[in-house]
Amino acid sequence: MKQRPVAIGLLVCEQVIIEEGTRNFTPVNCVSRYTVKEIPSVPFPFVVFTTLVDGIGVMPLEIRIQRLDTLEVITRHSARRLSYDPFCFQTRRQRPPWR
């Protein structure tokens, strides 16, 4: 039996450190907004970190970054995970969705 998890937290950060021995996650330099001088902005790396609860089983998870005005998908990342594991998606030099 599978049960879809619920995301109870979503953070946008500069990085997430995963401690090797305990697998504990430490989000670093989380932000609630980016201020840019011009649009489109210069691409910059960021990490999306989610906390999931109430899931059962292994299932595909997906994060999509979309433009808010047109809903065009800028980038997407998917993986199969245990539904209760934290899920991180890291861009390399991704243009943010408000380009």
C-alpha atoms as a PDB file:
ATOM      1  CA  MET A   1       0.000   0.000   0.000  1.00  0.00           C
ATOM      2  CA  LYS A   2       1.210   3.505  -0.831  1.00  0.00           C
ATOM      3  CA  GLN A   3       0.068   6.799   0.609  1.00  0.00           C
ATOM      4  CA  ARG A   4       1.040  10.171  -0.837  1.00  0.00           C
ATOM      5  CA  PRO A   5       3.026  12.308   1.639  1.00  0.00           C
ATOM      6  CA  VAL A   6       2.116  15.851   2.619  1.00  0.00           C
ATOM      7  CA  ALA A   7       4.753  18.606   2.423  1.00  0.00           C
ATOM      8  CA  ILE A   8       4.710  20.509   5.719  1.00  0.00           C
ATOM      9  CA  GLY A   9       7.767  22.606   4.997  1.00  0.00           C
ATOM     10  CA  LEU A  10       9.556  24.038   1.997  1.00  0.00           C
ATOM     11  CA  LEU A  11      12.755  26.080   2.233  1.00  0.00           C
ATOM     12  CA  VAL A  12      14.835  27.846  -0.411  1.00  0.00           C
ATOM     13  CA  CYS A  13      18.473  27.951   0.709  1.00  0.00           C
ATOM     14  CA  GLU A  14      22.003  28.464  -0.530  1.00  0.00           C
ATOM     15  CA  GLN A  15      22.894  24.924   0.558  1.00  0.00           C
ATOM     16  CA  VAL A  16      21.848  21.973   2.699  1.00  0.00           C
ATOM     17  CA  ILE A  17      24.515  20.079   4.628  1.00  0.00           C
ATOM     18  CA  ILE A  18      23.866  16.360   5.183  1.00  0.00           C
ATOM     19  CA  GLU A  19      25.840  14.902   8.088  1.00  0.00           C
ATOM     20  CA  GLU A  20      27.252  11.588   6.908  1.00  0.00           C
ATOM     21  CA  GLY A  21      26.937   9.527  10.089  1.00  0.00           C
ATOM     22  CA  THR A  22      23.446  10.543  11.223  1.00  0.00           C
ATOM     23  CA  ARG A  23      21.960  11.711   7.875  1.00  0.00           C
ATOM     24  CA  ASN A  24      20.772  14.883   9.678  1.00  0.00           C
ATOM     25  CA  PHE A  25      20.026  17.838   7.404  1.00  0.00           C
ATOM     26  CA  THR A  26      21.153  21.407   8.114  1.00  0.00           C
ATOM     27  CA  PRO A  27      19.657  24.089   5.816  1.00  0.00           C
ATOM     28  CA  VAL A  28      22.085  27.029   5.399  1.00  0.00           C
ATOM     29  CA  ASN A  29      21.244  30.644   4.505  1.00  0.00           C
ATOM     30  CA  CYS A  30      17.540  30.152   3.844  1.00  0.00           C
ATOM     31  CA  VAL A  31      15.649  33.031   2.266  1.00  0.00           C
ATOM     32  CA  SER A  32      12.052  34.146   1.911  1.00  0.00           C
ATOM     33  CA  ARG A  33      12.813  36.349  -1.116  1.00  0.00           C
ATOM     34  CA  TYR A  34      15.582  37.355  -3.472  1.00  0.00           C
ATOM     35  CA  THR A  35      16.017  40.939  -4.561  1.00  0.00           C
ATOM     36  CA  VAL A  36      17.369  41.365  -8.059  1.00  0.00           C
ATOM     37  CA  LYS A  37      18.519  44.530  -9.819  1.00  0.00           C
ATOM     38  CA  GLU A  38      16.983  43.656 -13.168  1.00  0.00           C
ATOM     39  CA  ILE A  39      14.704  41.120 -14.795  1.00  0.00           C
ATOM     40  CA  PRO A  40      15.791  38.755 -16.183  1.00  0.00           C
ATOM     41  CA  SER A  41      18.281  38.320 -13.367  1.00  0.00           C
ATOM     42  CA  VAL A  42      21.670  36.684 -13.352  1.00  0.00           C
ATOM     43  CA  PRO A  43      21.322  32.927 -12.695  1.00  0.00           C
ATOM     44  CA  PHE A  44      22.338  31.785  -9.213  1.00  0.00           C
ATOM     45  CA  PRO A  45      22.383  28.393  -7.452  1.00  0.00           C
ATOM     46  CA  PHE A  46      19.804  27.495  -4.830  1.00  0.00           C
ATOM     47  CA  VAL A  47      18.469  24.437  -3.012  1.00  0.00           C
ATOM     48  CA  VAL A  48      14.826  23.530  -2.435  1.00  0.00           C
ATOM     49  CA  PHE A  49      14.386  21.457   0.743  1.00  0.00           C
ATOM     50  CA  THR A  50      11.062  19.880   1.717  1.00  0.00           C
ATOM     51  CA  THR A  51       9.869  18.087   4.831  1.00  0.00           C
ATOM     52  CA  LEU A  52       7.328  15.332   4.183  1.00  0.00           C
ATOM     53  CA  VAL A  53       4.945  13.530   6.564  1.00  0.00           C
ATOM     54  CA  ASP A  54       2.198  10.879   6.475  1.00  0.00           C
ATOM     55  CA  GLY A  55       3.599   9.009   3.480  1.00  0.00           C
ATOM     56  CA  ILE A  56       3.853   5.253   3.125  1.00  0.00           C
ATOM     57  CA  GLY A  57       6.129   3.426   0.688  1.00  0.00           C
ATOM     58  CA  VAL A  58       8.523   4.323  -2.107  1.00  0.00           C
ATOM     59  CA  MET A  59       7.070   6.611  -4.767  1.00  0.00           C
ATOM     60  CA  PRO A  60       8.085   9.207  -7.331  1.00  0.00           C
ATOM     61  CA  LEU A  61       8.391  12.792  -6.060  1.00  0.00           C
ATOM     62  CA  GLU A  62       8.787  15.860  -8.261  1.00  0.00           C
ATOM     63  CA  ILE A  63       9.674  19.506  -7.753  1.00  0.00           C
ATOM     64  CA  ARG A  64       8.845  21.922 -10.570  1.00  0.00           C
ATOM     65  CA  ILE A  65      10.033  25.522 -10.780  1.00  0.00           C
ATOM     66  CA  GLN A  66       7.516  27.519 -12.820  1.00  0.00           C
ATOM     67  CA  ARG A  67       6.986  31.076 -13.967  1.00  0.00           C
ATOM     68  CA  LEU A  68       4.105  32.580 -12.026  1.00  0.00           C
ATOM     69  CA  ASP A  69       2.681  34.548 -14.939  1.00  0.00           C
ATOM     70  CA  THR A  70       2.569  31.766 -17.575  1.00  0.00           C
ATOM     71  CA  LEU A  71       3.144  28.592 -15.500  1.00  0.00           C
ATOM     72  CA  GLU A  72       5.930  27.671 -17.955  1.00  0.00           C
ATOM     73  CA  VAL A  73       8.132  24.981 -16.383  1.00  0.00           C
ATOM     74  CA  ILE A  74      11.641  26.383 -15.963  1.00  0.00           C
ATOM     75  CA  THR A  75      13.125  23.211 -14.517  1.00  0.00           C
ATOM     76  CA  ARG A  76      11.985  20.027 -12.828  1.00  0.00           C
ATOM     77  CA  HIS A  77      13.596  17.349 -10.724  1.00  0.00           C
ATOM     78  CA  SER A  78      12.159  13.976  -9.851  1.00  0.00           C
ATOM     79  CA  ALA A  79      13.324  10.983  -7.864  1.00  0.00           C
ATOM     80  CA  ARG A  80      11.923   7.844  -6.267  1.00  0.00           C
ATOM     81  CA  ARG A  81      12.103   8.151  -2.492  1.00  0.00           C
ATOM     82  CA  LEU A  82      10.736   6.675   0.650  1.00  0.00           C
ATOM     83  CA  SER A  83       7.859   9.040   1.187  1.00  0.00           C
ATOM     84  CA  TYR A  84       8.992  10.071   4.672  1.00  0.00           C
ATOM     85  CA  ASP A  85      12.587  10.986   3.662  1.00  0.00           C
ATOM     86  CA  PRO A  86      13.489  14.665   3.328  1.00  0.00           C
ATOM     87  CA  PHE A  87      13.750  15.658  -0.340  1.00  0.00           C
ATOM     88  CA  CYS A  88      16.390  18.100  -1.638  1.00  0.00           C
ATOM     89  CA  PHE A  89      16.755  19.561  -5.095  1.00  0.00           C
ATOM     90  CA  GLN A  90      19.845  21.614  -5.909  1.00  0.00           C
ATOM     91  CA  THR A  91      20.326  23.778  -8.971  1.00  0.00           C
ATOM     92  CA  ARG A  92      23.749  24.542 -10.345  1.00  0.00           C
ATOM     93  CA  ARG A  93      23.322  27.982 -11.935  1.00  0.00           C
ATOM     94  CA  GLN A  94      19.599  28.117 -12.392  1.00  0.00           C
ATOM     95  CA  ARG A  95      17.738  31.227 -13.427  1.00  0.00           C
ATOM     96  CA  PRO A  96      15.018  31.753 -10.831  1.00  0.00           C
ATOM     97  CA  PRO A  97      11.369  31.519 -11.922  1.00  0.00           C
ATOM     98  CA  TRP A  98      10.887  35.307 -11.831  1.00  0.00           C
ATOM     99  CA  ARG A  99      13.144  35.863 -14.855  1.00  0.00           C
END
